[in-house]
């Protein structure tokens, strides 16, 4: 539950209202020290942890663990739109994980084809997909969606700050029925980091 004394309570309330009130019971405050220890342990087990995330958890603000209990909660996360990913996230089009992963049908649902035809950015997705395991997944880092992202993707909830390769692979696997959904923990950085 959100601490009563949070200075970000209006922001948190608005984001959870948009994402679904059921997520309130899935929210737990955490600390930079707890997350730093946890992320470093994951890195020691071989999971790639972006150094940017390790820096951001020490920035001013609050940290929450938010469990996404349903597949729909996960597939409503908003994915990135950068030039190297425009084949799955074209500018001006919705960018939920569901929408972006659905666009993989043009590439026979194969990240290798996408890498060869479009962008080397997806090379990491090939390896993640080939060796997929929830044990190696780790938490995604999310932030509240900004006004532009919500206009472009009104059905979206939170923006994925870290974990874009892993998230698009899991979204594809869920849509194709290759992997059952297991509730995922996310790290919510409040306020938004850019």
C-alpha atoms as a PDB file:
ATOM      1  CA  UNK A   1       0.000   0.000   0.000  1.00  0.00           C
ATOM      2  CA  UNK A   2       1.161   3.568  -0.688  1.00  0.00           C
ATOM      3  CA  UNK A   3       2.614   5.246   2.424  1.00  0.00           C
ATOM      4  CA  UNK A   4       0.293   7.907   3.821  1.00  0.00           C
ATOM      5  CA  UNK A   5       3.109  10.467   3.951  1.00  0.00           C
ATOM      6  CA  UNK A   6       4.163  10.180   0.299  1.00  0.00           C
ATOM      7  CA  UNK A   7       4.652  13.592  -1.252  1.00  0.00           C
ATOM      8  CA  UNK A   8       3.872  11.953  -4.595  1.00  0.00           C
ATOM      9  CA  UNK A   9       0.502  10.600  -3.485  1.00  0.00           C
ATOM     10  CA  UNK A  10      -1.552  12.543  -6.114  1.00  0.00           C
ATOM     11  CA  UNK A  11       0.702  11.250  -8.899  1.00  0.00           C
ATOM     12  CA  UNK A  12       0.573   7.690  -7.561  1.00  0.00           C
ATOM     13  CA  UNK A  13      -3.200   7.844  -7.129  1.00  0.00           C
ATOM     14  CA  UNK A  14      -3.733   9.100 -10.699  1.00  0.00           C
ATOM     15  CA  UNK A  15      -1.441   6.458 -12.217  1.00  0.00           C
ATOM     16  CA  UNK A  16      -3.099   3.619 -10.299  1.00  0.00           C
ATOM     17  CA  UNK A  17      -6.569   4.920 -11.116  1.00  0.00           C
ATOM     18  CA  UNK A  18      -5.686   4.842 -14.841  1.00  0.00           C
ATOM     19  CA  UNK A  19      -3.969   1.439 -14.623  1.00  0.00           C
ATOM     20  CA  UNK A  20      -6.634  -0.204 -12.470  1.00  0.00           C
ATOM     21  CA  UNK A  21      -7.598   0.117  -8.834  1.00  0.00           C
ATOM     22  CA  UNK A  22      -6.864  -3.597  -8.318  1.00  0.00           C
ATOM     23  CA  UNK A  23      -3.158  -2.714  -8.518  1.00  0.00           C
ATOM     24  CA  UNK A  24      -3.297  -0.775  -5.221  1.00  0.00           C
ATOM     25  CA  UNK A  25      -3.101  -4.027  -3.278  1.00  0.00           C
ATOM     26  CA  UNK A  26      -0.106  -5.070  -5.423  1.00  0.00           C
ATOM     27  CA  UNK A  27       1.976  -2.022  -4.436  1.00  0.00           C
ATOM     28  CA  UNK A  28       4.735  -2.113  -1.828  1.00  0.00           C
ATOM     29  CA  UNK A  29       7.245   0.618  -0.972  1.00  0.00           C
ATOM     30  CA  UNK A  30      10.899  -0.322  -1.176  1.00  0.00           C
ATOM     31  CA  UNK A  31      14.208   1.439  -0.602  1.00  0.00           C
ATOM     32  CA  UNK A  32      17.173   2.297  -2.787  1.00  0.00           C
ATOM     33  CA  UNK A  33      19.368   0.115  -0.566  1.00  0.00           C
ATOM     34  CA  UNK A  34      17.030  -2.901  -0.871  1.00  0.00           C
ATOM     35  CA  UNK A  35      16.783  -2.508  -4.661  1.00  0.00           C
ATOM     36  CA  UNK A  36      20.508  -1.938  -5.113  1.00  0.00           C
ATOM     37  CA  UNK A  37      21.248  -5.140  -3.199  1.00  0.00           C
ATOM     38  CA  UNK A  38      18.610  -7.072  -5.150  1.00  0.00           C
ATOM     39  CA  UNK A  39      19.724  -5.802  -8.574  1.00  0.00           C
ATOM     40  CA  UNK A  40      23.395  -6.439  -7.847  1.00  0.00           C
ATOM     41  CA  UNK A  41      22.544 -10.011  -6.802  1.00  0.00           C
ATOM     42  CA  UNK A  42      20.694 -10.503 -10.096  1.00  0.00           C
ATOM     43  CA  UNK A  43      23.711  -9.130 -11.977  1.00  0.00           C
ATOM     44  CA  UNK A  44      25.981 -11.597 -10.144  1.00  0.00           C
ATOM     45  CA  UNK A  45      23.664 -14.402 -11.341  1.00  0.00           C
ATOM     46  CA  UNK A  46      24.314 -13.256 -14.922  1.00  0.00           C
ATOM     47  CA  UNK A  47      21.298 -11.036 -15.603  1.00  0.00           C
ATOM     48  CA  UNK A  48      22.165  -7.874 -17.498  1.00  0.00           C
ATOM     49  CA  UNK A  49      21.321  -4.883 -15.286  1.00  0.00           C
ATOM     50  CA  UNK A  50      21.585  -1.501 -16.969  1.00  0.00           C
ATOM     51  CA  UNK A  51      23.990   0.748 -15.018  1.00  0.00           C
ATOM     52  CA  UNK A  52      21.554   3.604 -15.698  1.00  0.00           C
ATOM     53  CA  UNK A  53      18.960   1.823 -13.527  1.00  0.00           C
ATOM     54  CA  UNK A  54      21.447   1.378 -10.696  1.00  0.00           C
ATOM     55  CA  UNK A  55      22.143   5.134 -10.849  1.00  0.00           C
ATOM     56  CA  UNK A  56      18.461   6.090 -11.005  1.00  0.00           C
ATOM     57  CA  UNK A  57      17.414   4.202  -7.893  1.00  0.00           C
ATOM     58  CA  UNK A  58      19.687   6.511  -5.900  1.00  0.00           C
ATOM     59  CA  UNK A  59      18.111   9.668  -7.338  1.00  0.00           C
ATOM     60  CA  UNK A  60      15.613  11.702  -5.277  1.00  0.00           C
ATOM     61  CA  UNK A  61      12.136  10.213  -5.267  1.00  0.00           C
ATOM     62  CA  UNK A  62      10.419   7.051  -4.129  1.00  0.00           C
ATOM     63  CA  UNK A  63      10.604   3.419  -5.191  1.00  0.00           C
ATOM     64  CA  UNK A  64       7.787   0.888  -5.218  1.00  0.00           C
ATOM     65  CA  UNK A  65       7.488  -2.743  -6.162  1.00  0.00           C
ATOM     66  CA  UNK A  66       4.330  -3.161  -8.211  1.00  0.00           C
ATOM     67  CA  UNK A  67       3.225  -6.685  -9.051  1.00  0.00           C
ATOM     68  CA  UNK A  68       1.349  -7.057 -12.336  1.00  0.00           C
ATOM     69  CA  UNK A  69      -1.043  -9.900 -11.498  1.00  0.00           C
ATOM     70  CA  UNK A  70      -2.562 -10.442 -14.952  1.00  0.00           C
ATOM     71  CA  UNK A  71      -1.335 -10.828 -18.501  1.00  0.00           C
ATOM     72  CA  UNK A  72      -3.494  -7.854 -19.487  1.00  0.00           C
ATOM     73  CA  UNK A  73      -1.764  -5.667 -16.862  1.00  0.00           C
ATOM     74  CA  UNK A  74       1.583  -6.588 -18.431  1.00  0.00           C
ATOM     75  CA  UNK A  75       0.492  -6.172 -22.057  1.00  0.00           C
ATOM     76  CA  UNK A  76      -0.828  -2.643 -21.328  1.00  0.00           C
ATOM     77  CA  UNK A  77       2.664  -1.356 -20.481  1.00  0.00           C
ATOM     78  CA  UNK A  78       3.921   1.225 -22.983  1.00  0.00           C
ATOM     79  CA  UNK A  79       6.988   0.276 -25.016  1.00  0.00           C
ATOM     80  CA  UNK A  80       9.676   2.591 -26.388  1.00  0.00           C
ATOM     81  CA  UNK A  81       9.657   4.329 -29.745  1.00  0.00           C
ATOM     82  CA  UNK A  82      13.123   4.997 -31.084  1.00  0.00           C
ATOM     83  CA  UNK A  83      14.214   4.862 -34.747  1.00  0.00           C
ATOM     84  CA  UNK A  84      15.655   1.349 -34.436  1.00  0.00           C
ATOM     85  CA  UNK A  85      12.325  -0.032 -33.130  1.00  0.00           C
ATOM     86  CA  UNK A  86       9.904   1.807 -35.451  1.00  0.00           C
ATOM     87  CA  UNK A  87       9.012  -1.424 -37.268  1.00  0.00           C
ATOM     88  CA  UNK A  88       7.185  -2.519 -34.094  1.00  0.00           C
ATOM     89  CA  UNK A  89       6.478   0.941 -32.630  1.00  0.00           C
ATOM     90  CA  UNK A  90       5.741   3.286 -35.535  1.00  0.00           C
ATOM     91  CA  UNK A  91       5.432   6.968 -34.570  1.00  0.00           C
ATOM     92  CA  UNK A  92       1.856   7.969 -33.848  1.00  0.00           C
ATOM     93  CA  UNK A  93       0.662   4.394 -33.369  1.00  0.00           C
ATOM     94  CA  UNK A  94      -0.305   2.748 -30.051  1.00  0.00           C
ATOM     95  CA  UNK A  95       2.687   1.332 -28.202  1.00  0.00           C
ATOM     96  CA  UNK A  96       1.299  -1.086 -25.659  1.00  0.00           C
ATOM     97  CA  UNK A  97       3.296  -4.289 -25.519  1.00  0.00           C
ATOM     98  CA  UNK A  98       0.238  -5.997 -27.010  1.00  0.00           C
ATOM     99  CA  UNK A  99       0.190  -3.643 -30.027  1.00  0.00           C
ATOM    100  CA  UNK A 100       3.950  -3.722 -30.611  1.00  0.00           C
ATOM    101  CA  UNK A 101       4.317  -7.478 -30.255  1.00  0.00           C
ATOM    102  CA  UNK A 102       1.325  -8.002 -32.566  1.00  0.00           C
ATOM    103  CA  UNK A 103       3.246  -6.209 -35.316  1.00  0.00           C
ATOM    104  CA  UNK A 104       5.752  -9.082 -35.259  1.00  0.00           C
ATOM    105  CA  UNK A 105       3.305 -11.035 -37.442  1.00  0.00           C
ATOM    106  CA  UNK A 106       4.872  -9.200 -40.444  1.00  0.00           C
ATOM    107  CA  UNK A 107       8.144 -10.929 -39.544  1.00  0.00           C
ATOM    108  CA  UNK A 108       6.695 -14.413 -39.011  1.00  0.00           C
ATOM    109  CA  UNK A 109       6.845 -13.798 -35.244  1.00  0.00           C
ATOM    110  CA  UNK A 110      10.627 -14.159 -35.441  1.00  0.00           C
ATOM    111  CA  UNK A 111      13.178 -11.749 -33.983  1.00  0.00           C
ATOM    112  CA  UNK A 112      15.879 -13.165 -36.285  1.00  0.00           C
ATOM    113  CA  UNK A 113      13.880 -12.099 -39.343  1.00  0.00           C
ATOM    114  CA  UNK A 114      13.304  -8.702 -37.800  1.00  0.00           C
ATOM    115  CA  UNK A 115      17.033  -8.319 -37.088  1.00  0.00           C
ATOM    116  CA  UNK A 116      17.963  -9.267 -40.663  1.00  0.00           C
ATOM    117  CA  UNK A 117      15.286  -7.155 -42.360  1.00  0.00           C
ATOM    118  CA  UNK A 118      15.058  -4.127 -40.115  1.00  0.00           C
ATOM    119  CA  UNK A 119      17.375  -3.462 -37.202  1.00  0.00           C
ATOM    120  CA  UNK A 120      20.291  -5.003 -35.347  1.00  0.00           C
ATOM    121  CA  UNK A 121      18.726  -3.590 -32.148  1.00  0.00           C
ATOM    122  CA  UNK A 122      16.607  -6.765 -31.964  1.00  0.00           C
ATOM    123  CA  UNK A 123      19.653  -9.093 -31.861  1.00  0.00           C
ATOM    124  CA  UNK A 124      19.466  -9.232 -28.055  1.00  0.00           C
ATOM    125  CA  UNK A 125      15.820 -10.313 -28.362  1.00  0.00           C
ATOM    126  CA  UNK A 126      16.872 -13.372 -30.375  1.00  0.00           C
ATOM    127  CA  UNK A 127      19.010 -14.671 -27.493  1.00  0.00           C
ATOM    128  CA  UNK A 128      16.402 -13.836 -24.831  1.00  0.00           C
ATOM    129  CA  UNK A 129      13.692 -15.602 -26.839  1.00  0.00           C
ATOM    130  CA  UNK A 130      15.840 -18.668 -27.502  1.00  0.00           C
ATOM    131  CA  UNK A 131      16.750 -19.063 -23.814  1.00  0.00           C
ATOM    132  CA  UNK A 132      13.615 -17.624 -22.229  1.00  0.00           C
ATOM    133  CA  UNK A 133      13.111 -18.270 -18.546  1.00  0.00           C
ATOM    134  CA  UNK A 134      11.261 -16.326 -15.870  1.00  0.00           C
ATOM    135  CA  UNK A 135      14.162 -16.989 -13.484  1.00  0.00           C
ATOM    136  CA  UNK A 136      16.422 -14.920 -15.746  1.00  0.00           C
ATOM    137  CA  UNK A 137      13.810 -12.239 -16.375  1.00  0.00           C
ATOM    138  CA  UNK A 138      14.314  -9.904 -13.415  1.00  0.00           C
ATOM    139  CA  UNK A 139      12.102  -6.916 -12.615  1.00  0.00           C
ATOM    140  CA  UNK A 140      11.147  -4.364 -15.235  1.00  0.00           C
ATOM    141  CA  UNK A 141      11.542  -0.728 -14.239  1.00  0.00           C
ATOM    142  CA  UNK A 142       8.529   1.469 -15.007  1.00  0.00           C
ATOM    143  CA  UNK A 143       7.618   5.132 -14.710  1.00  0.00           C
ATOM    144  CA  UNK A 144       4.328   6.958 -15.102  1.00  0.00           C
ATOM    145  CA  UNK A 145       3.431   7.594 -18.733  1.00  0.00           C
ATOM    146  CA  UNK A 146       3.725  11.189 -19.909  1.00  0.00           C
ATOM    147  CA  UNK A 147       1.004  13.146 -21.743  1.00  0.00           C
ATOM    148  CA  UNK A 148       2.399  12.366 -25.218  1.00  0.00           C
ATOM    149  CA  UNK A 149       2.566   8.625 -24.512  1.00  0.00           C
ATOM    150  CA  UNK A 150      -0.981   8.603 -23.157  1.00  0.00           C
ATOM    151  CA  UNK A 151      -2.326  10.504 -26.193  1.00  0.00           C
ATOM    152  CA  UNK A 152      -0.584   8.054 -28.513  1.00  0.00           C
ATOM    153  CA  UNK A 153      -1.517   5.010 -26.416  1.00  0.00           C
ATOM    154  CA  UNK A 154      -4.662   5.813 -24.390  1.00  0.00           C
ATOM    155  CA  UNK A 155      -5.068   2.180 -23.297  1.00  0.00           C
ATOM    156  CA  UNK A 156      -1.509   2.144 -21.923  1.00  0.00           C
ATOM    157  CA  UNK A 157      -0.619   2.344 -18.251  1.00  0.00           C
ATOM    158  CA  UNK A 158       3.066   2.798 -17.380  1.00  0.00           C
ATOM    159  CA  UNK A 159       6.109   3.440 -19.574  1.00  0.00           C
ATOM    160  CA  UNK A 160       8.886   0.821 -19.517  1.00  0.00           C
ATOM    161  CA  UNK A 161      12.017   2.597 -18.310  1.00  0.00           C
ATOM    162  CA  UNK A 162      14.263  -0.474 -18.273  1.00  0.00           C
ATOM    163  CA  UNK A 163      13.712  -3.967 -19.662  1.00  0.00           C
ATOM    164  CA  UNK A 164      12.525  -3.203 -23.197  1.00  0.00           C
ATOM    165  CA  UNK A 165      14.220  -6.229 -24.812  1.00  0.00           C
ATOM    166  CA  UNK A 166      12.920  -8.661 -22.180  1.00  0.00           C
ATOM    167  CA  UNK A 167       9.426  -7.183 -22.219  1.00  0.00           C
ATOM    168  CA  UNK A 168       8.885  -7.380 -25.991  1.00  0.00           C
ATOM    169  CA  UNK A 169      10.130 -10.987 -26.010  1.00  0.00           C
ATOM    170  CA  UNK A 170       7.732 -11.979 -23.240  1.00  0.00           C
ATOM    171  CA  UNK A 171       4.861 -10.131 -24.944  1.00  0.00           C
ATOM    172  CA  UNK A 172       5.499 -12.063 -28.170  1.00  0.00           C
ATOM    173  CA  UNK A 173       5.699 -15.357 -26.300  1.00  0.00           C
ATOM    174  CA  UNK A 174       2.412 -14.645 -24.486  1.00  0.00           C
ATOM    175  CA  UNK A 175       0.563 -13.670 -27.662  1.00  0.00           C
ATOM    176  CA  UNK A 176       1.836 -16.784 -29.434  1.00  0.00           C
ATOM    177  CA  UNK A 177       0.934 -19.062 -26.508  1.00  0.00           C
ATOM    178  CA  UNK A 178       4.582 -20.131 -26.081  1.00  0.00           C
ATOM    179  CA  UNK A 179       4.769 -19.171 -22.407  1.00  0.00           C
ATOM    180  CA  UNK A 180       2.092 -18.973 -19.692  1.00  0.00           C
ATOM    181  CA  UNK A 181       1.874 -15.688 -17.819  1.00  0.00           C
ATOM    182  CA  UNK A 182       3.383 -15.562 -14.338  1.00  0.00           C
ATOM    183  CA  UNK A 183       2.686 -12.401 -12.269  1.00  0.00           C
ATOM    184  CA  UNK A 184       5.631 -10.050 -12.686  1.00  0.00           C
ATOM    185  CA  UNK A 185       7.210  -7.646 -10.248  1.00  0.00           C
ATOM    186  CA  UNK A 186       8.099  -4.220 -11.568  1.00  0.00           C
ATOM    187  CA  UNK A 187      10.127  -1.465  -9.977  1.00  0.00           C
ATOM    188  CA  UNK A 188       8.174   1.795 -10.168  1.00  0.00           C
ATOM    189  CA  UNK A 189      10.401   4.875 -10.068  1.00  0.00           C
ATOM    190  CA  UNK A 190       8.463   7.898  -8.712  1.00  0.00           C
ATOM    191  CA  UNK A 191       8.596  10.557 -10.055  1.00  0.00           C
ATOM    192  CA  UNK A 192       9.364   9.759 -13.682  1.00  0.00           C
ATOM    193  CA  UNK A 193      12.975   9.555 -14.742  1.00  0.00           C
ATOM    194  CA  UNK A 194      13.860  10.341 -18.361  1.00  0.00           C
END
